[in-house]
Amino acid sequence: MNGIEDFKKRLQARMLSAVTSCVQRTLQSAKQLAPYGDGSDGGHLRDCIFGSAEEKEGFVSGSVYADNPHAAYVEHGTSRMPPRPYLHPAFKAQKAFFTQKLNH
C-alpha cells in the first residue's frame, strides 16, 4: 500500500505544480490583455485581476478572476459597448501548456 500512497503524493504534487504554473501564466496574460482605461481610473481593471491555486482534501483547483464591478461588462460587452475579452483568451492560451505540464 505504501507504493500507492507515494504515487498519489507525487501525482498530487505534480497537479498542484501544473495548476499553479497555469494560474500564474493566465494571470499575467489576462493583465496584459485587459483594456487600459484612458480616464482617471486607467489600469484599475488590471489591478483587480487575481488568481490562486490550492490543494484541499485531495483536490487541486485554481482560479483567475477580476474583482471589479465592470469586469463582466468589459469581457462580454453590453448593448452600448462591444466585448473586449481578456479572461477567456488568457485561459484558452494555457490549455496546451497545462496538458504538456501534466504529461512531463
PDB file of N, CA and C in Angstrom:
ATOM      1  N   MET A   1       0.817  -1.205   0.000  1.00  0.00           N
ATOM      2  CA  MET A   1       0.000   0.000   0.000  1.00  0.00           C
ATOM      3  C   MET A   1       0.853   1.258   0.000  1.00  0.00           C
ATOM      4  N   ASN A   2       2.074   1.176   0.506  1.00  0.00           N
ATOM      5  CA  ASN A   2       2.951   2.330   0.573  1.00  0.00           C
ATOM      6  C   ASN A   2       3.261   2.895  -0.817  1.00  0.00           C
ATOM      7  N   GLY A   3       3.404   1.993  -1.819  1.00  0.00           N
ATOM      8  CA  GLY A   3       3.683   2.428  -3.181  1.00  0.00           C
ATOM      9  C   GLY A   3       2.554   3.261  -3.756  1.00  0.00           C
ATOM     10  N   ILE A   4       1.337   2.887  -3.460  1.00  0.00           N
ATOM     11  CA  ILE A   4       0.175   3.622  -3.945  1.00  0.00           C
ATOM     12  C   ILE A   4       0.110   4.998  -3.297  1.00  0.00           C
ATOM     13  N   GLU A   5       0.353   5.069  -2.014  1.00  0.00           N
ATOM     14  CA  GLU A   5       0.334   6.356  -1.316  1.00  0.00           C
ATOM     15  C   GLU A   5       1.435   7.285  -1.843  1.00  0.00           C
ATOM     16  N   ASP A   6       2.613   6.738  -2.092  1.00  0.00           N
ATOM     17  CA  ASP A   6       3.701   7.546  -2.660  1.00  0.00           C
ATOM     18  C   ASP A   6       3.321   8.069  -4.034  1.00  0.00           C
ATOM     19  N   PHE A   7       2.715   7.208  -4.844  1.00  0.00           N
ATOM     20  CA  PHE A   7       2.278   7.615  -6.180  1.00  0.00           C
ATOM     21  C   PHE A   7       1.251   8.741  -6.089  1.00  0.00           C
ATOM     22  N   LYS A   8       0.286   8.600  -5.188  1.00  0.00           N
ATOM     23  CA  LYS A   8      -0.740   9.625  -5.005  1.00  0.00           C
ATOM     24  C   LYS A   8      -0.120  10.959  -4.594  1.00  0.00           C
ATOM     25  N   LYS A   9       0.861  10.918  -3.697  1.00  0.00           N
ATOM     26  CA  LYS A   9       1.520  12.152  -3.257  1.00  0.00           C
ATOM     27  C   LYS A   9       2.278  12.816  -4.406  1.00  0.00           C
ATOM     28  N   ARG A  10       2.970  12.002  -5.193  1.00  0.00           N
ATOM     29  CA  ARG A  10       3.716  12.556  -6.336  1.00  0.00           C
ATOM     30  C   ARG A  10       2.758  13.147  -7.376  1.00  0.00           C
ATOM     31  N   LEU A  11       1.671  12.441  -7.630  1.00  0.00           N
ATOM     32  CA  LEU A  11       0.675  12.919  -8.588  1.00  0.00           C
ATOM     33  C   LEU A  11       0.037  14.211  -8.096  1.00  0.00           C
ATOM     34  N   GLN A  12      -0.281  14.270  -6.828  1.00  0.00           N
ATOM     35  CA  GLN A  12      -0.882  15.470  -6.239  1.00  0.00           C
ATOM     36  C   GLN A  12       0.073  16.659  -6.353  1.00  0.00           C
ATOM     37  N   ALA A  13       1.341  16.434  -6.076  1.00  0.00           N
ATOM     38  CA  ALA A  13       2.341  17.500  -6.183  1.00  0.00           C
ATOM     39  C   ALA A  13       2.469  17.969  -7.629  1.00  0.00           C
ATOM     40  N   ARG A  14       2.428  17.020  -8.563  1.00  0.00           N
ATOM     41  CA  ARG A  14       2.518  17.368  -9.982  1.00  0.00           C
ATOM     42  C   ARG A  14       1.312  18.189 -10.425  1.00  0.00           C
ATOM     43  N   MET A  15       0.148  17.791  -9.975  1.00  0.00           N
ATOM     44  CA  MET A  15      -1.077  18.534 -10.302  1.00  0.00           C
ATOM     45  C   MET A  15      -1.024  19.949  -9.733  1.00  0.00           C
ATOM     46  N   LEU A  16      -0.613  20.070  -8.486  1.00  0.00           N
ATOM     47  CA  LEU A  16      -0.535  21.387  -7.866  1.00  0.00           C
ATOM     48  C   LEU A  16       0.466  22.263  -8.596  1.00  0.00           C
ATOM     49  N   SER A  17       1.591  21.696  -8.985  1.00  0.00           N
ATOM     50  CA  SER A  17       2.598  22.447  -9.732  1.00  0.00           C
ATOM     51  C   SER A  17       2.043  22.920 -11.079  1.00  0.00           C
ATOM     52  N   ALA A  18       1.352  22.037 -11.791  1.00  0.00           N
ATOM     53  CA  ALA A  18       0.783  22.384 -13.094  1.00  0.00           C
ATOM     54  C   ALA A  18      -0.283  23.468 -12.957  1.00  0.00           C
ATOM     55  N   VAL A  19      -1.160  23.318 -11.994  1.00  0.00           N
ATOM     56  CA  VAL A  19      -2.228  24.302 -11.792  1.00  0.00           C
ATOM     57  C   VAL A  19      -1.634  25.647 -11.369  1.00  0.00           C
ATOM     58  N   THR A  20      -0.675  25.629 -10.454  1.00  0.00           N
ATOM     59  CA  THR A  20      -0.046  26.876 -10.007  1.00  0.00           C
ATOM     60  C   THR A  20       0.630  27.600 -11.166  1.00  0.00           C
ATOM     61  N   SER A  21       1.361  26.859 -11.988  1.00  0.00           N
ATOM     62  CA  SER A  21       2.023  27.461 -13.152  1.00  0.00           C
ATOM     63  C   SER A  21       1.015  28.071 -14.111  1.00  0.00           C
ATOM     64  N   CYS A  22      -0.059  27.343 -14.369  1.00  0.00           N
ATOM     65  CA  CYS A  22      -1.073  27.845 -15.295  1.00  0.00           C
ATOM     66  C   CYS A  22      -1.817  29.057 -14.734  1.00  0.00           C
ATOM     67  N   VAL A  23      -2.079  29.051 -13.450  1.00  0.00           N
ATOM     68  CA  VAL A  23      -2.733  30.214 -12.834  1.00  0.00           C
ATOM     69  C   VAL A  23      -1.844  31.449 -12.995  1.00  0.00           C
ATOM     70  N   GLN A  24      -0.559  31.311 -12.718  1.00  0.00           N
ATOM     71  CA  GLN A  24       0.349  32.452 -12.838  1.00  0.00           C
ATOM     72  C   GLN A  24       0.440  32.947 -14.278  1.00  0.00           C
ATOM     73  N   ARG A  25       0.549  32.026 -15.233  1.00  0.00           N
ATOM     74  CA  ARG A  25       0.629  32.409 -16.639  1.00  0.00           C
ATOM     75  C   ARG A  25      -0.681  33.053 -17.112  1.00  0.00           C
ATOM     76  N   THR A  26      -1.815  32.500 -16.681  1.00  0.00           N
ATOM     77  CA  THR A  26      -3.112  33.056 -17.058  1.00  0.00           C
ATOM     78  C   THR A  26      -3.285  34.443 -16.451  1.00  0.00           C
ATOM     79  N   LEU A  27      -2.876  34.600 -15.218  1.00  0.00           N
ATOM     80  CA  LEU A  27      -2.955  35.887 -14.535  1.00  0.00           C
ATOM     81  C   LEU A  27      -2.160  36.949 -15.280  1.00  0.00           C
ATOM     82  N   GLN A  28      -0.934  36.640 -15.638  1.00  0.00           N
ATOM     83  CA  GLN A  28      -0.095  37.590 -16.382  1.00  0.00           C
ATOM     84  C   GLN A  28      -0.709  37.932 -17.728  1.00  0.00           C
ATOM     85  N   SER A  29      -1.191  36.921 -18.421  1.00  0.00           N
ATOM     86  CA  SER A  29      -1.785  37.136 -19.737  1.00  0.00           C
ATOM     87  C   SER A  29      -3.048  37.984 -19.646  1.00  0.00           C
ATOM     88  N   ALA A  30      -3.915  37.689 -18.692  1.00  0.00           N
ATOM     89  CA  ALA A  30      -5.157  38.458 -18.528  1.00  0.00           C
ATOM     90  C   ALA A  30      -4.854  39.921 -18.226  1.00  0.00           C
ATOM     91  N   LYS A  31      -3.855  40.164 -17.395  1.00  0.00           N
ATOM     92  CA  LYS A  31      -3.486  41.550 -17.083  1.00  0.00           C
ATOM     93  C   LYS A  31      -2.948  42.271 -18.311  1.00  0.00           C
ATOM     94  N   GLN A  32      -2.215  41.564 -19.159  1.00  0.00           N
ATOM     95  CA  GLN A  32      -1.704  42.177 -20.382  1.00  0.00           C
ATOM     96  C   GLN A  32      -2.827  42.452 -21.379  1.00  0.00           C
ATOM     97  N   LEU A  33      -3.818  41.554 -21.432  1.00  0.00           N
ATOM     98  CA  LEU A  33      -4.913  41.690 -22.389  1.00  0.00           C
ATOM     99  C   LEU A  33      -6.009  42.656 -21.937  1.00  0.00           C
ATOM    100  N   ALA A  34      -6.097  42.911 -20.639  1.00  0.00           N
ATOM    101  CA  ALA A  34      -7.157  43.783 -20.122  1.00  0.00           C
ATOM    102  C   ALA A  34      -6.999  45.182 -20.704  1.00  0.00           C
ATOM    103  N   PRO A  35      -8.113  45.747 -21.194  1.00  0.00           N
ATOM    104  CA  PRO A  35      -8.038  47.103 -21.732  1.00  0.00           C
ATOM    105  C   PRO A  35      -7.587  48.084 -20.661  1.00  0.00           C
ATOM    106  N   TYR A  36      -6.807  49.029 -21.087  1.00  0.00           N
ATOM    107  CA  TYR A  36      -6.300  50.041 -20.161  1.00  0.00           C
ATOM    108  C   TYR A  36      -7.108  51.306 -20.374  1.00  0.00           C
ATOM    109  N   GLY A  37      -7.849  51.727 -19.339  1.00  0.00           N
ATOM    110  CA  GLY A  37      -8.688  52.922 -19.445  1.00  0.00           C
ATOM    111  C   GLY A  37      -7.852  54.178 -19.629  1.00  0.00           C
ATOM    112  N   ASP A  38      -8.456  55.151 -20.287  1.00  0.00           N
ATOM    113  CA  ASP A  38      -7.739  56.411 -20.514  1.00  0.00           C
ATOM    114  C   ASP A  38      -8.175  57.508 -19.546  1.00  0.00           C
ATOM    115  N   GLY A  39      -9.037  57.168 -18.613  1.00  0.00           N
ATOM    116  CA  GLY A  39      -9.502  58.150 -17.640  1.00  0.00           C
ATOM    117  C   GLY A  39      -8.684  58.100 -16.363  1.00  0.00           C
ATOM    118  N   SER A  40      -9.216  58.687 -15.327  1.00  0.00           N
ATOM    119  CA  SER A  40      -8.506  58.741 -14.047  1.00  0.00           C
ATOM    120  C   SER A  40      -8.372  57.348 -13.424  1.00  0.00           C
ATOM    121  N   ASP A  41      -9.221  56.402 -13.857  1.00  0.00           N
ATOM    122  CA  ASP A  41      -9.150  55.056 -13.312  1.00  0.00           C
ATOM    123  C   ASP A  41      -8.383  54.109 -14.237  1.00  0.00           C
ATOM    124  N   GLY A  42      -7.581  54.632 -15.118  1.00  0.00           N
ATOM    125  CA  GLY A  42      -6.812  53.812 -16.055  1.00  0.00           C
ATOM    126  C   GLY A  42      -6.010  52.745 -15.329  1.00  0.00           C
ATOM    127  N   GLY A  43      -6.144  51.511 -15.781  1.00  0.00           N
ATOM    128  CA  GLY A  43      -5.415  50.409 -15.169  1.00  0.00           C
ATOM    129  C   GLY A  43      -6.132  49.754 -14.013  1.00  0.00           C
ATOM    130  N   HIS A  44      -7.279  50.293 -13.629  1.00  0.00           N
ATOM    131  CA  HIS A  44      -7.975  49.753 -12.460  1.00  0.00           C
ATOM    132  C   HIS A  44      -8.391  48.294 -12.679  1.00  0.00           C
ATOM    133  N   LEU A  45      -8.853  47.962 -13.891  1.00  0.00           N
ATOM    134  CA  LEU A  45      -9.248  46.579 -14.159  1.00  0.00           C
ATOM    135  C   LEU A  45      -8.056  45.648 -13.999  1.00  0.00           C
ATOM    136  N   ARG A  46      -6.915  46.033 -14.518  1.00  0.00           N
ATOM    137  CA  ARG A  46      -5.709  45.208 -14.397  1.00  0.00           C
ATOM    138  C   ARG A  46      -5.321  44.996 -12.932  1.00  0.00           C
ATOM    139  N   ASP A  47      -5.512  46.011 -12.140  1.00  0.00           N
ATOM    140  CA  ASP A  47      -5.168  45.909 -10.718  1.00  0.00           C
ATOM    141  C   ASP A  47      -6.135  45.012  -9.948  1.00  0.00           C
ATOM    142  N   CYS A  48      -7.281  44.699 -10.552  1.00  0.00           N
ATOM    143  CA  CYS A  48      -8.308  43.907  -9.878  1.00  0.00           C
ATOM    144  C   CYS A  48      -8.381  42.472 -10.392  1.00  0.00           C
ATOM    145  N   ILE A  49      -7.344  42.014 -11.101  1.00  0.00           N
ATOM    146  CA  ILE A  49      -7.315  40.633 -11.585  1.00  0.00           C
ATOM    147  C   ILE A  49      -6.421  39.832 -10.643  1.00  0.00           C
ATOM    148  N   PHE A  50      -6.988  38.773 -10.093  1.00  0.00           N
ATOM    149  CA  PHE A  50      -6.295  37.958  -9.101  1.00  0.00           C
ATOM    150  C   PHE A  50      -6.347  36.481  -9.485  1.00  0.00           C
ATOM    151  N   GLY A  51      -5.489  35.707  -8.876  1.00  0.00           N
ATOM    152  CA  GLY A  51      -5.501  34.270  -9.115  1.00  0.00           C
ATOM    153  C   GLY A  51      -4.973  33.517  -7.909  1.00  0.00           C
ATOM    154  N   SER A  52      -5.373  32.247  -7.827  1.00  0.00           N
ATOM    155  CA  SER A  52      -4.877  31.413  -6.736  1.00  0.00           C
ATOM    156  C   SER A  52      -4.981  29.943  -7.139  1.00  0.00           C
ATOM    157  N   ALA A  53      -4.144  29.150  -6.514  1.00  0.00           N
ATOM    158  CA  ALA A  53      -4.176  27.689  -6.685  1.00  0.00           C
ATOM    159  C   ALA A  53      -4.100  27.084  -5.299  1.00  0.00           C
ATOM    160  N   GLU A  54      -4.817  25.989  -5.102  1.00  0.00           N
ATOM    161  CA  GLU A  54      -4.792  25.349  -3.791  1.00  0.00           C
ATOM    162  C   GLU A  54      -5.067  23.855  -3.890  1.00  0.00           C
ATOM    163  N   GLU A  55      -4.629  23.168  -2.874  1.00  0.00           N
ATOM    164  CA  GLU A  55      -4.914  21.748  -2.716  1.00  0.00           C
ATOM    165  C   GLU A  55      -5.718  21.619  -1.435  1.00  0.00           C
ATOM    166  N   LYS A  56      -6.858  20.957  -1.539  1.00  0.00           N
ATOM    167  CA  LYS A  56      -7.719  20.811  -0.362  1.00  0.00           C
ATOM    168  C   LYS A  56      -8.443  19.481  -0.446  1.00  0.00           C
ATOM    169  N   GLU A  57      -8.265  18.669   0.572  1.00  0.00           N
ATOM    170  CA  GLU A  57      -8.940  17.381   0.688  1.00  0.00           C
ATOM    171  C   GLU A  57      -8.744  16.511  -0.547  1.00  0.00           C
ATOM    172  N   GLY A  58      -7.531  16.505  -1.092  1.00  0.00           N
ATOM    173  CA  GLY A  58      -7.208  15.653  -2.222  1.00  0.00           C
ATOM    174  C   GLY A  58      -7.552  16.220  -3.581  1.00  0.00           C
ATOM    175  N   PHE A  59      -8.080  17.433  -3.623  1.00  0.00           N
ATOM    176  CA  PHE A  59      -8.430  18.075  -4.889  1.00  0.00           C
ATOM    177  C   PHE A  59      -7.549  19.293  -5.102  1.00  0.00           C
ATOM    178  N   VAL A  60      -7.196  19.520  -6.350  1.00  0.00           N
ATOM    179  CA  VAL A  60      -6.406  20.691  -6.718  1.00  0.00           C
ATOM    180  C   VAL A  60      -7.296  21.597  -7.557  1.00  0.00           C
ATOM    181  N   SER A  61      -7.296  22.877  -7.235  1.00  0.00           N
ATOM    182  CA  SER A  61      -8.095  23.814  -8.016  1.00  0.00           C
ATOM    183  C   SER A  61      -7.323  25.114  -8.194  1.00  0.00           C
ATOM    184  N   GLY A  62      -7.689  25.826  -9.219  1.00  0.00           N
ATOM    185  CA  GLY A  62      -7.085  27.121  -9.475  1.00  0.00           C
ATOM    186  C   GLY A  62      -8.131  28.047 -10.049  1.00  0.00           C
ATOM    187  N   SER A  63      -7.949  29.324  -9.824  1.00  0.00           N
ATOM    188  CA  SER A  63      -8.886  30.295 -10.386  1.00  0.00           C
ATOM    189  C   SER A  63      -8.165  31.596 -10.701  1.00  0.00           C
ATOM    190  N   VAL A  64      -8.650  32.245 -11.716  1.00  0.00           N
ATOM    191  CA  VAL A  64      -8.217  33.594 -12.078  1.00  0.00           C
ATOM    192  C   VAL A  64      -9.511  34.367 -12.295  1.00  0.00           C
ATOM    193  N   TYR A  65      -9.615  35.511 -11.667  1.00  0.00           N
ATOM    194  CA  TYR A  65     -10.863  36.267 -11.742  1.00  0.00           C
ATOM    195  C   TYR A  65     -10.577  37.759 -11.622  1.00  0.00           C
ATOM    196  N   ALA A  66     -11.552  38.543 -12.074  1.00  0.00           N
ATOM    197  CA  ALA A  66     -11.464  40.000 -11.965  1.00  0.00           C
ATOM    198  C   ALA A  66     -12.480  40.442 -10.922  1.00  0.00           C
ATOM    199  N   ASP A  67     -11.999  41.060  -9.877  1.00  0.00           N
ATOM    200  CA  ASP A  67     -12.841  41.537  -8.780  1.00  0.00           C
ATOM    201  C   ASP A  67     -13.121  43.025  -9.001  1.00  0.00           C
ATOM    202  N   ASN A  68     -13.944  43.285 -10.012  1.00  0.00           N
ATOM    203  CA  ASN A  68     -14.251  44.659 -10.412  1.00  0.00           C
ATOM    204  C   ASN A  68     -15.699  44.661 -10.877  1.00  0.00           C
ATOM    205  N   PRO A  69     -16.504  45.629 -10.465  1.00  0.00           N
ATOM    206  CA  PRO A  69     -17.915  45.643 -10.855  1.00  0.00           C
ATOM    207  C   PRO A  69     -18.139  45.669 -12.368  1.00  0.00           C
ATOM    208  N   HIS A  70     -17.195  46.204 -13.122  1.00  0.00           N
ATOM    209  CA  HIS A  70     -17.375  46.334 -14.570  1.00  0.00           C
ATOM    210  C   HIS A  70     -16.670  45.239 -15.364  1.00  0.00           C
ATOM    211  N   ALA A  71     -16.021  44.312 -14.687  1.00  0.00           N
ATOM    212  CA  ALA A  71     -15.215  43.292 -15.356  1.00  0.00           C
ATOM    213  C   ALA A  71     -16.016  42.466 -16.360  1.00  0.00           C
ATOM    214  N   ALA A  72     -17.194  42.015 -15.963  1.00  0.00           N
ATOM    215  CA  ALA A  72     -18.017  41.192 -16.853  1.00  0.00           C
ATOM    216  C   ALA A  72     -18.492  42.000 -18.058  1.00  0.00           C
ATOM    217  N   TYR A  73     -18.784  43.277 -17.867  1.00  0.00           N
ATOM    218  CA  TYR A  73     -19.220  44.114 -18.983  1.00  0.00           C
ATOM    219  C   TYR A  73     -18.105  44.283 -20.013  1.00  0.00           C
ATOM    220  N   VAL A  74     -16.901  44.425 -19.534  1.00  0.00           N
ATOM    221  CA  VAL A  74     -15.760  44.549 -20.443  1.00  0.00           C
ATOM    222  C   VAL A  74     -15.548  43.228 -21.184  1.00  0.00           C
ATOM    223  N   GLU A  75     -15.569  42.128 -20.466  1.00  0.00           N
ATOM    224  CA  GLU A  75     -15.333  40.805 -21.062  1.00  0.00           C
ATOM    225  C   GLU A  75     -16.405  40.444 -22.096  1.00  0.00           C
ATOM    226  N   HIS A  76     -17.671  40.675 -21.767  1.00  0.00           N
ATOM    227  CA  HIS A  76     -18.776  40.216 -22.616  1.00  0.00           C
ATOM    228  C   HIS A  76     -19.456  41.302 -23.423  1.00  0.00           C
ATOM    229  N   GLY A  77     -19.177  42.552 -23.118  1.00  0.00           N
ATOM    230  CA  GLY A  77     -19.805  43.659 -23.828  1.00  0.00           C
ATOM    231  C   GLY A  77     -21.189  43.976 -23.290  1.00  0.00           C
ATOM    232  N   THR A  78     -21.746  45.049 -23.789  1.00  0.00           N
ATOM    233  CA  THR A  78     -23.104  45.472 -23.430  1.00  0.00           C
ATOM    234  C   THR A  78     -23.796  45.907 -24.723  1.00  0.00           C
ATOM    235  N   SER A  79     -25.015  46.387 -24.590  1.00  0.00           N
ATOM    236  CA  SER A  79     -25.724  46.884 -25.780  1.00  0.00           C
ATOM    237  C   SER A  79     -25.054  48.147 -26.329  1.00  0.00           C
ATOM    238  N   ARG A  80     -24.240  48.794 -25.514  1.00  0.00           N
ATOM    239  CA  ARG A  80     -23.575  50.036 -25.938  1.00  0.00           C
ATOM    240  C   ARG A  80     -22.066  49.892 -26.125  1.00  0.00           C
ATOM    241  N   MET A  81     -21.533  48.731 -25.800  1.00  0.00           N
ATOM    242  CA  MET A  81     -20.080  48.563 -25.860  1.00  0.00           C
ATOM    243  C   MET A  81     -19.756  47.147 -26.355  1.00  0.00           C
ATOM    244  N   PRO A  82     -18.895  47.029 -27.339  1.00  0.00           N
ATOM    245  CA  PRO A  82     -18.541  45.684 -27.815  1.00  0.00           C
ATOM    246  C   PRO A  82     -17.694  44.960 -26.770  1.00  0.00           C
ATOM    247  N   PRO A  83     -17.700  43.634 -26.802  1.00  0.00           N
ATOM    248  CA  PRO A  83     -16.874  42.882 -25.848  1.00  0.00           C
ATOM    249  C   PRO A  83     -15.392  43.111 -26.104  1.00  0.00           C
ATOM    250  N   ARG A  84     -14.634  43.133 -25.023  1.00  0.00           N
ATOM    251  CA  ARG A  84     -13.172  43.227 -25.099  1.00  0.00           C
ATOM    252  C   ARG A  84     -12.607  42.136 -24.184  1.00  0.00           C
ATOM    253  N   PRO A  85     -12.721  40.882 -24.658  1.00  0.00           N
ATOM    254  CA  PRO A  85     -12.327  39.745 -23.821  1.00  0.00           C
ATOM    255  C   PRO A  85     -10.856  39.790 -23.410  1.00  0.00           C
ATOM    256  N   TYR A  86     -10.611  39.444 -22.179  1.00  0.00           N
ATOM    257  CA  TYR A  86      -9.249  39.374 -21.645  1.00  0.00           C
ATOM    258  C   TYR A  86      -9.066  38.101 -20.815  1.00  0.00           C
ATOM    259  N   LEU A  87     -10.112  37.637 -20.138  1.00  0.00           N
ATOM    260  CA  LEU A  87     -10.006  36.415 -19.337  1.00  0.00           C
ATOM    261  C   LEU A  87     -10.092  35.154 -20.208  1.00  0.00           C
ATOM    262  N   HIS A  88     -11.095  35.079 -21.050  1.00  0.00           N
ATOM    263  CA  HIS A  88     -11.275  33.867 -21.859  1.00  0.00           C
ATOM    264  C   HIS A  88     -10.055  33.601 -22.750  1.00  0.00           C
ATOM    265  N   PRO A  89      -9.530  34.588 -23.466  1.00  0.00           N
ATOM    266  CA  PRO A  89      -8.331  34.318 -24.267  1.00  0.00           C
ATOM    267  C   PRO A  89      -7.127  33.910 -23.413  1.00  0.00           C
ATOM    268  N   ALA A  90      -7.028  34.466 -22.216  1.00  0.00           N
ATOM    269  CA  ALA A  90      -5.911  34.112 -21.326  1.00  0.00           C
ATOM    270  C   ALA A  90      -6.021  32.656 -20.874  1.00  0.00           C
ATOM    271  N   PHE A  91      -7.234  32.211 -20.533  1.00  0.00           N
ATOM    272  CA  PHE A  91      -7.445  30.806 -20.153  1.00  0.00           C
ATOM    273  C   PHE A  91      -7.170  29.883 -21.337  1.00  0.00           C
ATOM    274  N   LYS A  92      -7.735  30.236 -22.474  1.00  0.00           N
ATOM    275  CA  LYS A  92      -7.611  29.399 -23.669  1.00  0.00           C
ATOM    276  C   LYS A  92      -6.148  29.209 -24.083  1.00  0.00           C
ATOM    277  N   ALA A  93      -5.357  30.244 -23.921  1.00  0.00           N
ATOM    278  CA  ALA A  93      -3.950  30.182 -24.312  1.00  0.00           C
ATOM    279  C   ALA A  93      -3.148  29.203 -23.458  1.00  0.00           C
ATOM    280  N   GLN A  94      -3.641  28.841 -22.290  1.00  0.00           N
ATOM    281  CA  GLN A  94      -2.900  27.966 -21.375  1.00  0.00           C
ATOM    282  C   GLN A  94      -3.258  26.493 -21.509  1.00  0.00           C
ATOM    283  N   LYS A  95      -4.242  26.174 -22.320  1.00  0.00           N
ATOM    284  CA  LYS A  95      -4.714  24.791 -22.429  1.00  0.00           C
ATOM    285  C   LYS A  95      -3.589  23.834 -22.830  1.00  0.00           C
ATOM    286  N   ALA A  96      -2.865  24.163 -23.880  1.00  0.00           N
ATOM    287  CA  ALA A  96      -1.780  23.282 -24.352  1.00  0.00           C
ATOM    288  C   ALA A  96      -0.655  23.208 -23.323  1.00  0.00           C
ATOM    289  N   PHE A  97      -0.332  24.338 -22.691  1.00  0.00           N
ATOM    290  CA  PHE A  97       0.722  24.359 -21.681  1.00  0.00           C
ATOM    291  C   PHE A  97       0.360  23.454 -20.511  1.00  0.00           C
ATOM    292  N   PHE A  98      -0.892  23.507 -20.079  1.00  0.00           N
ATOM    293  CA  PHE A  98      -1.329  22.690 -18.947  1.00  0.00           C
ATOM    294  C   PHE A  98      -1.211  21.205 -19.271  1.00  0.00           C
ATOM    295  N   THR A  99      -1.679  20.826 -20.444  1.00  0.00           N
ATOM    296  CA  THR A  99      -1.582  19.426 -20.871  1.00  0.00           C
ATOM    297  C   THR A  99      -0.126  18.969 -20.930  1.00  0.00           C
ATOM    298  N   GLN A 100       0.719  19.814 -21.483  1.00  0.00           N
ATOM    299  CA  GLN A 100       2.150  19.487 -21.576  1.00  0.00           C
ATOM    300  C   GLN A 100       2.765  19.352 -20.191  1.00  0.00           C
ATOM    301  N   LYS A 101       2.414  20.261 -19.301  1.00  0.00           N
ATOM    302  CA  LYS A 101       2.956  20.257 -17.933  1.00  0.00           C
ATOM    303  C   LYS A 101       2.555  18.968 -17.197  1.00  0.00           C
ATOM    304  N   LEU A 102       1.363  18.500 -17.409  1.00  0.00           N
ATOM    305  CA  LEU A 102       0.910  17.266 -16.755  1.00  0.00           C
ATOM    306  C   LEU A 102       1.596  16.032 -17.325  1.00  0.00           C
ATOM    307  N   ASN A 103       1.896  16.058 -18.598  1.00  0.00           N
ATOM    308  CA  ASN A 103       2.474  14.884 -19.254  1.00  0.00           C
ATOM    309  C   ASN A 103       3.987  14.764 -19.075  1.00  0.00           C
ATOM    310  N   HIS A 104       4.618  15.766 -18.519  1.00  0.00           N
ATOM    311  CA  HIS A 104       6.091  15.693 -18.343  1.00  0.00           C
ATOM    312  C   HIS A 104       6.483  15.710 -16.896  1.00  0.00           C
TER     313      HIS A 104
END
